[in-house]
C-alpha atoms as a PDB file:
ATOM      1  CA  UNK A   1      87.784  11.193 -55.273  1.00  0.00           C
ATOM      2  CA  UNK A   2      86.158  13.319 -52.583  1.00  0.00           C
ATOM      3  CA  UNK A   3      82.599  12.696 -51.541  1.00  0.00           C
ATOM      4  CA  UNK A   4      79.954  14.848 -53.188  1.00  0.00           C
ATOM      5  CA  UNK A   5      77.739  17.169 -51.190  1.00  0.00           C
ATOM      6  CA  UNK A   6      74.083  17.328 -52.177  1.00  0.00           C
ATOM      7  CA  UNK A   7      71.970  20.211 -50.888  1.00  0.00           C
ATOM      8  CA  UNK A   8      68.271  20.466 -51.608  1.00  0.00           C
ATOM      9  CA  UNK A   9      66.467  23.772 -52.015  1.00  0.00           C
ATOM     10  CA  UNK A  10      64.721  23.024 -48.724  1.00  0.00           C
ATOM     11  CA  UNK A  11      68.113  22.665 -46.983  1.00  0.00           C
ATOM     12  CA  UNK A  12      69.227  26.021 -48.339  1.00  0.00           C
ATOM     13  CA  UNK A  13      65.942  27.681 -47.330  1.00  0.00           C
ATOM     14  CA  UNK A  14      66.208  26.271 -43.809  1.00  0.00           C
ATOM     15  CA  UNK A  15      69.730  27.565 -43.227  1.00  0.00           C
ATOM     16  CA  UNK A  16      68.782  30.927 -44.681  1.00  0.00           C
ATOM     17  CA  UNK A  17      65.760  31.145 -42.358  1.00  0.00           C
ATOM     18  CA  UNK A  18      67.839  30.248 -39.286  1.00  0.00           C
ATOM     19  CA  UNK A  19      70.408  32.881 -40.253  1.00  0.00           C
ATOM     20  CA  UNK A  20      67.712  35.539 -40.520  1.00  0.00           C
ATOM     21  CA  UNK A  21      66.240  34.406 -37.190  1.00  0.00           C
ATOM     22  CA  UNK A  22      69.587  34.823 -35.441  1.00  0.00           C
ATOM     23  CA  UNK A  23      69.721  38.342 -36.821  1.00  0.00           C
ATOM     24  CA  UNK A  24      66.519  39.175 -34.886  1.00  0.00           C
ATOM     25  CA  UNK A  25      67.880  38.151 -31.453  1.00  0.00           C
ATOM     26  CA  UNK A  26      67.909  41.739 -30.192  1.00  0.00           C
ATOM     27  CA  UNK A  27      64.588  42.735 -31.744  1.00  0.00           C
ATOM     28  CA  UNK A  28      61.095  42.815 -30.309  1.00  0.00           C
ATOM     29  CA  UNK A  29      59.710  40.277 -32.759  1.00  0.00           C
ATOM     30  CA  UNK A  30      62.304  37.544 -32.057  1.00  0.00           C
ATOM     31  CA  UNK A  31      59.892  35.167 -30.311  1.00  0.00           C
ATOM     32  CA  UNK A  32      57.213  35.431 -32.997  1.00  0.00           C
ATOM     33  CA  UNK A  33      59.898  34.958 -35.683  1.00  0.00           C
ATOM     34  CA  UNK A  34      61.131  31.822 -33.912  1.00  0.00           C
ATOM     35  CA  UNK A  35      57.636  30.355 -33.725  1.00  0.00           C
ATOM     36  CA  UNK A  36      56.916  31.230 -37.378  1.00  0.00           C
ATOM     37  CA  UNK A  37      59.999  29.268 -38.395  1.00  0.00           C
ATOM     38  CA  UNK A  38      58.909  26.263 -36.339  1.00  0.00           C
ATOM     39  CA  UNK A  39      55.406  26.508 -37.836  1.00  0.00           C
ATOM     40  CA  UNK A  40      56.838  25.629 -41.237  1.00  0.00           C
ATOM     41  CA  UNK A  41      57.530  22.142 -39.883  1.00  0.00           C
ATOM     42  CA  UNK A  42      55.111  21.534 -36.977  1.00  0.00           C
ATOM     43  CA  UNK A  43      51.579  22.871 -36.322  1.00  0.00           C
ATOM     44  CA  UNK A  44      51.488  25.596 -33.666  1.00  0.00           C
ATOM     45  CA  UNK A  45      48.161  27.283 -32.873  1.00  0.00           C
ATOM     46  CA  UNK A  46      49.178  29.182 -29.734  1.00  0.00           C
ATOM     47  CA  UNK A  47      52.405  29.822 -27.882  1.00  0.00           C
ATOM     48  CA  UNK A  48      53.808  31.581 -24.857  1.00  0.00           C
ATOM     49  CA  UNK A  49      57.285  32.218 -23.445  1.00  0.00           C
ATOM     50  CA  UNK A  50      57.479  31.983 -19.662  1.00  0.00           C
ATOM     51  CA  UNK A  51      60.027  32.030 -16.888  1.00  0.00           C
ATOM     52  CA  UNK A  52      59.019  29.429 -14.308  1.00  0.00           C
ATOM     53  CA  UNK A  53      60.142  30.229 -10.769  1.00  0.00           C
ATOM     54  CA  UNK A  54      58.956  29.499  -7.212  1.00  0.00           C
ATOM     55  CA  UNK A  55      56.547  32.428  -7.559  1.00  0.00           C
ATOM     56  CA  UNK A  56      54.171  33.424 -10.309  1.00  0.00           C
ATOM     57  CA  UNK A  57      55.453  32.684 -13.850  1.00  0.00           C
ATOM     58  CA  UNK A  58      56.717  35.700 -15.767  1.00  0.00           C
ATOM     59  CA  UNK A  59      55.384  36.128 -19.305  1.00  0.00           C
ATOM     60  CA  UNK A  60      58.018  37.334 -21.772  1.00  0.00           C
ATOM     61  CA  UNK A  61      55.914  36.967 -24.944  1.00  0.00           C
ATOM     62  CA  UNK A  62      52.733  35.275 -26.130  1.00  0.00           C
ATOM     63  CA  UNK A  63      50.752  34.690 -29.297  1.00  0.00           C
ATOM     64  CA  UNK A  64      48.353  37.551 -29.977  1.00  0.00           C
ATOM     65  CA  UNK A  65      44.613  36.998 -29.557  1.00  0.00           C
ATOM     66  CA  UNK A  66      42.446  37.216 -32.649  1.00  0.00           C
ATOM     67  CA  UNK A  67      40.884  40.506 -31.498  1.00  0.00           C
ATOM     68  CA  UNK A  68      44.135  41.906 -30.155  1.00  0.00           C
ATOM     69  CA  UNK A  69      42.800  41.906 -26.586  1.00  0.00           C
ATOM     70  CA  UNK A  70      44.408  40.031 -23.664  1.00  0.00           C
ATOM     71  CA  UNK A  71      43.272  36.401 -23.503  1.00  0.00           C
ATOM     72  CA  UNK A  72      40.929  36.170 -20.485  1.00  0.00           C
ATOM     73  CA  UNK A  73      41.627  32.471 -19.969  1.00  0.00           C
ATOM     74  CA  UNK A  74      45.372  33.052 -20.017  1.00  0.00           C
ATOM     75  CA  UNK A  75      44.960  35.841 -17.471  1.00  0.00           C
ATOM     76  CA  UNK A  76      43.269  33.290 -15.199  1.00  0.00           C
ATOM     77  CA  UNK A  77      46.300  31.055 -15.711  1.00  0.00           C
ATOM     78  CA  UNK A  78      48.701  33.777 -14.578  1.00  0.00           C
ATOM     79  CA  UNK A  79      46.499  34.682 -11.592  1.00  0.00           C
ATOM     80  CA  UNK A  80      46.717  31.207 -10.139  1.00  0.00           C
ATOM     81  CA  UNK A  81      45.682  28.361 -12.448  1.00  0.00           C
ATOM     82  CA  UNK A  82      49.353  27.809 -13.262  1.00  0.00           C
ATOM     83  CA  UNK A  83      49.488  26.025  -9.904  1.00  0.00           C
ATOM     84  CA  UNK A  84      47.550  23.189 -11.578  1.00  0.00           C
ATOM     85  CA  UNK A  85      49.583  23.196 -14.812  1.00  0.00           C
ATOM     86  CA  UNK A  86      51.346  19.814 -15.224  1.00  0.00           C
ATOM     87  CA  UNK A  87      54.295  21.510 -16.953  1.00  0.00           C
ATOM     88  CA  UNK A  88      54.712  23.989 -14.091  1.00  0.00           C
ATOM     89  CA  UNK A  89      54.365  21.262 -11.452  1.00  0.00           C
ATOM     90  CA  UNK A  90      56.805  18.931 -13.233  1.00  0.00           C
ATOM     91  CA  UNK A  91      59.334  21.739 -13.613  1.00  0.00           C
ATOM     92  CA  UNK A  92      59.153  22.673  -9.942  1.00  0.00           C
ATOM     93  CA  UNK A  93      59.531  19.022  -8.917  1.00  0.00           C
ATOM     94  CA  UNK A  94      62.324  18.100 -11.361  1.00  0.00           C
ATOM     95  CA  UNK A  95      63.728  21.241 -13.003  1.00  0.00           C
ATOM     96  CA  UNK A  96      65.885  20.509 -16.048  1.00  0.00           C
ATOM     97  CA  UNK A  97      66.407  21.498 -19.656  1.00  0.00           C
ATOM     98  CA  UNK A  98      64.955  19.572 -22.580  1.00  0.00           C
ATOM     99  CA  UNK A  99      61.864  18.891 -24.651  1.00  0.00           C
ATOM    100  CA  UNK A 100      58.785  17.844 -22.674  1.00  0.00           C
ATOM    101  CA  UNK A 101      55.518  16.485 -24.034  1.00  0.00           C
ATOM    102  CA  UNK A 102      52.149  16.708 -22.295  1.00  0.00           C
ATOM    103  CA  UNK A 103      52.003  12.924 -22.083  1.00  0.00           C
ATOM    104  CA  UNK A 104      55.371  12.972 -20.278  1.00  0.00           C
ATOM    105  CA  UNK A 105      54.235  15.259 -17.477  1.00  0.00           C
ATOM    106  CA  UNK A 106      50.434  14.955 -17.149  1.00  0.00           C
ATOM    107  CA  UNK A 107      49.052  12.922 -14.218  1.00  0.00           C
ATOM    108  CA  UNK A 108      46.936   9.857 -14.879  1.00  0.00           C
ATOM    109  CA  UNK A 109      43.583  11.624 -14.446  1.00  0.00           C
ATOM    110  CA  UNK A 110      44.552  14.982 -15.966  1.00  0.00           C
ATOM    111  CA  UNK A 111      41.814  14.966 -18.608  1.00  0.00           C
ATOM    112  CA  UNK A 112      39.167  14.429 -15.916  1.00  0.00           C
ATOM    113  CA  UNK A 113      40.180  17.526 -13.924  1.00  0.00           C
ATOM    114  CA  UNK A 114      38.251  20.770 -13.914  1.00  0.00           C
ATOM    115  CA  UNK A 115      41.510  22.483 -14.879  1.00  0.00           C
ATOM    116  CA  UNK A 116      41.597  20.450 -18.097  1.00  0.00           C
ATOM    117  CA  UNK A 117      37.890  20.812 -18.864  1.00  0.00           C
ATOM    118  CA  UNK A 118      37.566  24.512 -18.029  1.00  0.00           C
ATOM    119  CA  UNK A 119      40.960  25.857 -19.099  1.00  0.00           C
ATOM    120  CA  UNK A 120      43.317  23.549 -20.962  1.00  0.00           C
ATOM    121  CA  UNK A 121      41.047  22.186 -23.688  1.00  0.00           C
ATOM    122  CA  UNK A 122      39.605  25.658 -24.297  1.00  0.00           C
ATOM    123  CA  UNK A 123      42.880  27.566 -24.317  1.00  0.00           C
ATOM    124  CA  UNK A 124      45.518  25.078 -25.456  1.00  0.00           C
ATOM    125  CA  UNK A 125      42.940  22.832 -27.161  1.00  0.00           C
ATOM    126  CA  UNK A 126      44.528  19.382 -27.629  1.00  0.00           C
ATOM    127  CA  UNK A 127      48.267  19.064 -27.102  1.00  0.00           C
ATOM    128  CA  UNK A 128      51.259  20.980 -25.792  1.00  0.00           C
ATOM    129  CA  UNK A 129      55.034  20.674 -25.744  1.00  0.00           C
ATOM    130  CA  UNK A 130      57.625  22.741 -23.880  1.00  0.00           C
ATOM    131  CA  UNK A 131      61.230  23.492 -24.725  1.00  0.00           C
ATOM    132  CA  UNK A 132      62.853  24.277 -21.382  1.00  0.00           C
ATOM    133  CA  UNK A 133      66.154  25.978 -20.607  1.00  0.00           C
ATOM    134  CA  UNK A 134      67.223  25.640 -16.971  1.00  0.00           C
ATOM    135  CA  UNK A 135      68.711  29.024 -16.012  1.00  0.00           C
ATOM    136  CA  UNK A 136      69.668  28.258 -12.410  1.00  0.00           C
ATOM    137  CA  UNK A 137      68.341  26.327  -9.446  1.00  0.00           C
ATOM    138  CA  UNK A 138      65.178  28.416  -9.247  1.00  0.00           C
ATOM    139  CA  UNK A 139      64.316  29.595 -12.761  1.00  0.00           C
ATOM    140  CA  UNK A 140      63.491  27.908 -16.056  1.00  0.00           C
ATOM    141  CA  UNK A 141      62.931  29.633 -19.390  1.00  0.00           C
ATOM    142  CA  UNK A 142      60.132  27.803 -21.196  1.00  0.00           C
ATOM    143  CA  UNK A 143      58.722  28.013 -24.733  1.00  0.00           C
ATOM    144  CA  UNK A 144      55.228  26.478 -24.766  1.00  0.00           C
ATOM    145  CA  UNK A 145      53.779  25.356 -28.107  1.00  0.00           C
ATOM    146  CA  UNK A 146      50.072  24.476 -28.220  1.00  0.00           C
ATOM    147  CA  UNK A 147      48.240  22.670 -31.008  1.00  0.00           C
ATOM    148  CA  UNK A 148      44.614  21.955 -31.923  1.00  0.00           C
ATOM    149  CA  UNK A 149      45.595  18.376 -32.743  1.00  0.00           C
ATOM    150  CA  UNK A 150      47.952  15.850 -31.200  1.00  0.00           C
ATOM    151  CA  UNK A 151      51.578  16.231 -32.181  1.00  0.00           C
ATOM    152  CA  UNK A 152      52.608  13.198 -34.212  1.00  0.00           C
ATOM    153  CA  UNK A 153      55.688  11.141 -33.290  1.00  0.00           C
ATOM    154  CA  UNK A 154      57.421  12.563 -36.370  1.00  0.00           C
ATOM    155  CA  UNK A 155      56.655  16.139 -35.342  1.00  0.00           C
ATOM    156  CA  UNK A 156      57.846  15.503 -31.798  1.00  0.00           C
ATOM    157  CA  UNK A 157      61.011  13.889 -33.160  1.00  0.00           C
ATOM    158  CA  UNK A 158      61.634  16.946 -35.337  1.00  0.00           C
ATOM    159  CA  UNK A 159      61.217  19.254 -32.347  1.00  0.00           C
ATOM    160  CA  UNK A 160      63.666  17.069 -30.472  1.00  0.00           C
ATOM    161  CA  UNK A 161      66.113  17.397 -33.350  1.00  0.00           C
ATOM    162  CA  UNK A 162      66.013  21.212 -33.394  1.00  0.00           C
ATOM    163  CA  UNK A 163      65.668  21.582 -29.605  1.00  0.00           C
ATOM    164  CA  UNK A 164      69.435  22.110 -28.941  1.00  0.00           C
ATOM    165  CA  UNK A 165      69.789  25.133 -31.212  1.00  0.00           C
ATOM    166  CA  UNK A 166      66.376  26.529 -30.278  1.00  0.00           C
ATOM    167  CA  UNK A 167      67.371  26.291 -26.610  1.00  0.00           C
ATOM    168  CA  UNK A 168      70.701  27.977 -27.361  1.00  0.00           C
ATOM    169  CA  UNK A 169      68.914  30.893 -29.054  1.00  0.00           C
ATOM    170  CA  UNK A 170      66.438  31.126 -26.161  1.00  0.00           C
ATOM    171  CA  UNK A 171      69.308  31.449 -23.707  1.00  0.00           C
ATOM    172  CA  UNK A 172      71.003  34.093 -25.880  1.00  0.00           C
ATOM    173  CA  UNK A 173      67.742  36.018 -26.189  1.00  0.00           C
ATOM    174  CA  UNK A 174      67.467  36.216 -22.405  1.00  0.00           C
ATOM    175  CA  UNK A 175      70.237  38.834 -22.430  1.00  0.00           C
ATOM    176  CA  UNK A 176      67.697  41.213 -23.948  1.00  0.00           C
ATOM    177  CA  UNK A 177      64.976  40.153 -21.470  1.00  0.00           C
ATOM    178  CA  UNK A 178      67.196  40.543 -18.418  1.00  0.00           C
ATOM    179  CA  UNK A 179      65.221  43.198 -16.562  1.00  0.00           C
ATOM    180  CA  UNK A 180      61.951  41.274 -16.526  1.00  0.00           C
ATOM    181  CA  UNK A 181      63.539  37.825 -16.153  1.00  0.00           C
ATOM    182  CA  UNK A 182      65.480  38.904 -13.069  1.00  0.00           C
ATOM    183  CA  UNK A 183      62.432  40.286 -11.262  1.00  0.00           C
ATOM    184  CA  UNK A 184      60.364  37.274 -10.143  1.00  0.00           C
ATOM    185  CA  UNK A 185      56.927  38.107  -8.817  1.00  0.00           C
ATOM    186  CA  UNK A 186      55.792  36.674  -5.549  1.00  0.00           C
ATOM    187  CA  UNK A 187      52.585  34.729  -5.391  1.00  0.00           C
ATOM    188  CA  UNK A 188      50.646  32.963  -2.660  1.00  0.00           C
ATOM    189  CA  UNK A 189      51.786  29.414  -2.021  1.00  0.00           C
ATOM    190  CA  UNK A 190      49.530  26.392  -2.372  1.00  0.00           C
ATOM    191  CA  UNK A 191      49.128  26.368   1.383  1.00  0.00           C
ATOM    192  CA  UNK A 192      48.129  30.031   1.701  1.00  0.00           C
ATOM    193  CA  UNK A 193      45.595  29.721  -1.144  1.00  0.00           C
ATOM    194  CA  UNK A 194      44.015  26.661   0.372  1.00  0.00           C
ATOM    195  CA  UNK A 195      44.079  28.140   3.850  1.00  0.00           C
ATOM    196  CA  UNK A 196      41.934  30.953   2.454  1.00  0.00           C
ATOM    197  CA  UNK A 197      39.488  28.363   1.154  1.00  0.00           C
ATOM    198  CA  UNK A 198      39.278  26.646   4.541  1.00  0.00           C
ATOM    199  CA  UNK A 199      38.305  29.868   6.285  1.00  0.00           C
ATOM    200  CA  UNK A 200      34.748  29.343   5.056  1.00  0.00           C
ATOM    201  CA  UNK A 201      34.492  26.032   6.876  1.00  0.00           C
ATOM    202  CA  UNK A 202      36.209  27.210  10.044  1.00  0.00           C
ATOM    203  CA  UNK A 203      38.314  24.029  10.100  1.00  0.00           C
ATOM    204  CA  UNK A 204      41.945  24.061   8.999  1.00  0.00           C
ATOM    205  CA  UNK A 205      43.303  21.258   6.838  1.00  0.00           C
ATOM    206  CA  UNK A 206      46.390  19.377   7.987  1.00  0.00           C
ATOM    207  CA  UNK A 207      49.644  19.656   6.030  1.00  0.00           C
ATOM    208  CA  UNK A 208      49.117  16.167   4.596  1.00  0.00           C
ATOM    209  CA  UNK A 209      45.544  17.017   3.574  1.00  0.00           C
ATOM    210  CA  UNK A 210      46.928  20.114   1.820  1.00  0.00           C
ATOM    211  CA  UNK A 211      49.264  17.853  -0.126  1.00  0.00           C
ATOM    212  CA  UNK A 212      46.381  15.582  -1.109  1.00  0.00           C
ATOM    213  CA  UNK A 213      44.319  18.568  -2.291  1.00  0.00           C
ATOM    214  CA  UNK A 214      47.120  19.790  -4.538  1.00  0.00           C
ATOM    215  CA  UNK A 215      47.630  16.387  -6.112  1.00  0.00           C
ATOM    216  CA  UNK A 216      43.892  15.776  -6.529  1.00  0.00           C
ATOM    217  CA  UNK A 217      43.305  19.066  -8.337  1.00  0.00           C
ATOM    218  CA  UNK A 218      46.274  18.504 -10.636  1.00  0.00           C
ATOM    219  CA  UNK A 219      44.845  15.162 -11.776  1.00  0.00           C
ATOM    220  CA  UNK A 220      46.731  12.531  -9.787  1.00  0.00           C
ATOM    221  CA  UNK A 221      44.954   9.242  -9.155  1.00  0.00           C
ATOM    222  CA  UNK A 222      44.846   7.746  -5.669  1.00  0.00           C
ATOM    223  CA  UNK A 223      47.732   5.441  -6.639  1.00  0.00           C
ATOM    224  CA  UNK A 224      49.834   8.353  -7.900  1.00  0.00           C
ATOM    225  CA  UNK A 225      49.118  10.331  -4.734  1.00  0.00           C
ATOM    226  CA  UNK A 226      50.065   7.326  -2.615  1.00  0.00           C
ATOM    227  CA  UNK A 227      53.342   6.920  -4.497  1.00  0.00           C
ATOM    228  CA  UNK A 228      54.260  10.609  -4.291  1.00  0.00           C
ATOM    229  CA  UNK A 229      53.460  10.838  -0.567  1.00  0.00           C
ATOM    230  CA  UNK A 230      54.796   7.379   0.309  1.00  0.00           C
ATOM    231  CA  UNK A 231      51.504   6.285   1.875  1.00  0.00           C
ATOM    232  CA  UNK A 232      48.918   3.636   0.991  1.00  0.00           C
ATOM    233  CA  UNK A 233      46.055   4.214  -1.442  1.00  0.00           C
ATOM    234  CA  UNK A 234      43.639   3.471   1.408  1.00  0.00           C
ATOM    235  CA  UNK A 235      45.211   6.247   3.483  1.00  0.00           C
ATOM    236  CA  UNK A 236      44.735   8.599   0.538  1.00  0.00           C
ATOM    237  CA  UNK A 237      41.032   7.738   0.506  1.00  0.00           C
ATOM    238  CA  UNK A 238      40.806   8.488   4.229  1.00  0.00           C
ATOM    239  CA  UNK A 239      42.510  11.872   3.799  1.00  0.00           C
ATOM    240  CA  UNK A 240      40.213  12.664   0.887  1.00  0.00           C
ATOM    241  CA  UNK A 241      37.101  11.795   2.938  1.00  0.00           C
ATOM    242  CA  UNK A 242      38.279  13.921   5.877  1.00  0.00           C
ATOM    243  CA  UNK A 243      39.143  17.001   3.828  1.00  0.00           C
ATOM    244  CA  UNK A 244      35.824  16.849   1.966  1.00  0.00           C
ATOM    245  CA  UNK A 245      34.054  16.691   5.318  1.00  0.00           C
ATOM    246  CA  UNK A 246      36.040  19.620   6.730  1.00  0.00           C
ATOM    247  CA  UNK A 247      35.328  21.757   3.676  1.00  0.00           C
ATOM    248  CA  UNK A 248      31.661  20.758   3.494  1.00  0.00           C
ATOM    249  CA  UNK A 249      31.918  19.535  -0.085  1.00  0.00           C
ATOM    250  CA  UNK A 250      31.105  16.309  -1.917  1.00  0.00           C
ATOM    251  CA  UNK A 251      33.049  16.478  -5.182  1.00  0.00           C
ATOM    252  CA  UNK A 252      36.314  17.458  -6.779  1.00  0.00           C
ATOM    253  CA  UNK A 253      34.465  20.111  -8.800  1.00  0.00           C
ATOM    254  CA  UNK A 254      33.414  21.787  -5.544  1.00  0.00           C
ATOM    255  CA  UNK A 255      37.032  21.601  -4.385  1.00  0.00           C
ATOM    256  CA  UNK A 256      38.113  23.308  -7.609  1.00  0.00           C
ATOM    257  CA  UNK A 257      35.463  25.994  -7.052  1.00  0.00           C
ATOM    258  CA  UNK A 258      36.952  26.684  -3.610  1.00  0.00           C
ATOM    259  CA  UNK A 259      40.366  26.994  -5.224  1.00  0.00           C
ATOM    260  CA  UNK A 260      39.004  29.563  -7.688  1.00  0.00           C
ATOM    261  CA  UNK A 261      37.398  31.529  -4.845  1.00  0.00           C
ATOM    262  CA  UNK A 262      40.708  31.556  -2.979  1.00  0.00           C
ATOM    263  CA  UNK A 263      42.442  32.668  -6.170  1.00  0.00           C
ATOM    264  CA  UNK A 264      40.100  35.618  -6.620  1.00  0.00           C
ATOM    265  CA  UNK A 265      40.392  36.588  -2.970  1.00  0.00           C
ATOM    266  CA  UNK A 266      44.137  36.116  -2.818  1.00  0.00           C
ATOM    267  CA  UNK A 267      45.304  38.515  -5.502  1.00  0.00           C
ATOM    268  CA  UNK A 268      48.291  40.583  -4.529  1.00  0.00           C
ATOM    269  CA  UNK A 269      48.935  44.087  -5.852  1.00  0.00           C
END
């Protein structure tokens, strides 16, 4: 006797929903339809579809604000705060496809950073996961899902289970996003932004001090900075003391304020 096949109503509904989603691949509401389907199984309070590249991320779609107006905090992200985003940094350092959790990519002191306190916890709220599709050596298509609570292990496992077909649909959808996805926008580098900040002090930071600044603002501890730069933790402390002295500041919050000033002054048309 052949084995029996048992389908639940939920199984049937799932396959029907995926079929209808595929039918929207060439339509404007594809991304929102994809997220609505995922929301049946995992909590998603905000989302955005980005193309990460060496320059400024390109926004292909995002969850609408409650009042229908552009999200001011997200606009700050696009202007330059993305440079402190652990997902952006991790992707630029080790670009690859897959499912990535915040806890996988965030530095040790991420929750103590001004970026976390003044942007992440207000805009993303509590947790975030990304489904990434590596397009080539320079670009990554990324679906960011934010939640007001921590994703549970079961929810993360479910996202990992559906990640292959979600990623396949994301790649197929890119055919209809080709014009915007193939036109990366340039943006000031870390060095040029920080060089603008140092103009106020009249003393330029060294290349190694620039590296330390970047890692400090993104939430790396002294040990993490030492490991990434292949130097001792004591040397990190020395670099930190010197750059604070050059910039005339006494705290990481003041360093973040200088970054924001450079961001505002470094906008390109």
